[in-house]
Amino acid sequence: MQSRGFSFSALDAESKLRVLESIGYGTDGTFVTRHGKPYRDQYTHQPIRLTEVIVLPGSTVVLSDNPISLAMYLEDHPDVQIEY
């Protein structure tokens, strides 16, 4: 069964924090954090802003929602299918 995602950007700040905490992340109010430090996108190496974070459906993968990160992730993981 494929998992359908939801619009993370549509969540209020408290809900975003609960989702992030449930998968081992946090926030300082501006950036996504891990172990108290800003978490960096694995492809752009830039800190991920709370307003730009995407959690891929059915996973704990946290990326920035920019097209470069998403395209590179999908290129590295061709078995992943994302439905809109």
Protein backbone atom coordinates (compact mmCIF):
# COMPACT_ATOMS: atom_id res chain seq x y z
CA MET A 1 0.00 0.00 0.00
CA GLN A 2 1.35 3.43 -0.89
CA SER A 3 1.30 6.11 1.71
CA ARG A 4 -0.20 9.47 0.81
CA GLY A 5 1.47 12.48 2.31
CA PHE A 6 -0.08 15.67 3.58
CA SER A 7 0.86 19.28 3.22
CA PHE A 8 3.37 19.90 5.97
CA SER A 9 3.28 23.61 5.15
CA ALA A 10 -0.44 23.71 5.99
CA LEU A 11 0.23 22.67 9.60
CA ASP A 12 0.46 25.21 12.39
CA ALA A 13 3.79 25.58 14.23
CA GLU A 14 2.73 23.37 17.17
CA SER A 15 1.65 20.53 14.86
CA LYS A 16 4.90 20.76 12.87
CA LEU A 17 6.85 20.49 16.12
CA ARG A 18 4.86 17.39 17.18
CA VAL A 19 5.52 15.69 13.82
CA LEU A 20 9.22 16.53 13.95
CA GLU A 21 9.56 15.38 17.56
CA SER A 22 7.83 12.09 16.76
CA ILE A 23 10.59 11.27 14.27
CA GLY A 24 13.53 12.53 16.35
CA TYR A 25 13.86 16.16 15.30
CA GLY A 26 12.99 19.49 16.87
CA THR A 27 12.96 23.18 16.05
CA ASP A 28 14.35 26.38 17.45
CA GLY A 29 11.38 28.24 15.99
CA THR A 30 13.15 29.03 12.71
CA PHE A 31 15.16 25.94 11.77
CA VAL A 32 14.69 22.18 12.10
CA THR A 33 17.10 20.89 14.73
CA ARG A 34 18.66 17.57 15.63
CA HIS A 35 20.44 17.19 18.96
CA GLY A 36 19.99 20.94 19.53
CA LYS A 37 21.79 22.04 16.35
CA PRO A 38 20.27 23.20 13.05
CA TYR A 39 19.73 20.18 10.80
CA ARG A 40 21.19 20.52 7.31
CA ASP A 41 19.66 19.29 4.08
CA GLN A 42 21.71 16.31 2.94
CA TYR A 43 21.97 17.65 -0.62
CA THR A 44 22.31 21.43 -0.31
CA HIS A 45 24.00 21.31 3.10
CA GLN A 46 21.98 24.37 4.15
CA PRO A 47 20.05 24.49 7.43
CA ILE A 48 16.41 23.56 6.84
CA ARG A 49 13.93 26.31 7.74
CA LEU A 50 10.73 25.24 9.45
CA THR A 51 8.80 26.98 6.67
CA GLU A 52 10.60 24.91 4.00
CA VAL A 53 10.74 21.45 5.56
CA ILE A 54 9.28 18.37 3.92
CA VAL A 55 8.94 14.97 5.58
CA LEU A 56 8.62 12.34 2.89
CA PRO A 57 5.49 10.18 3.25
CA GLY A 58 5.97 6.96 5.18
CA SER A 59 9.49 7.87 6.27
CA THR A 60 11.60 9.90 8.63
CA VAL A 61 13.43 11.60 5.74
CA VAL A 62 13.58 15.34 6.34
CA LEU A 63 14.61 17.60 3.45
CA SER A 64 14.20 21.16 2.33
CA ASP A 65 11.29 21.45 -0.09
CA ASN A 66 13.44 22.96 -2.84
CA PRO A 67 13.42 21.25 -6.26
CA ILE A 68 17.14 20.39 -6.14
CA SER A 69 16.88 18.39 -2.92
CA LEU A 70 13.75 16.58 -4.03
CA ALA A 71 15.16 15.71 -7.46
CA MET A 72 18.46 14.50 -6.01
CA TYR A 73 16.68 12.39 -3.40
CA LEU A 74 14.45 10.77 -6.03
CA GLU A 75 17.47 10.15 -8.25
CA ASP A 76 19.27 8.43 -5.34
CA HIS A 77 16.14 6.41 -4.45
CA PRO A 78 14.39 5.38 -7.69
CA ASP A 79 12.12 2.96 -5.82
CA VAL A 80 10.40 5.84 -3.98
CA GLN A 81 7.05 6.92 -5.36
CA ILE A 82 5.41 10.15 -4.30
CA GLU A 83 1.77 10.80 -5.15
CA TYR A 84 0.32 14.28 -5.29
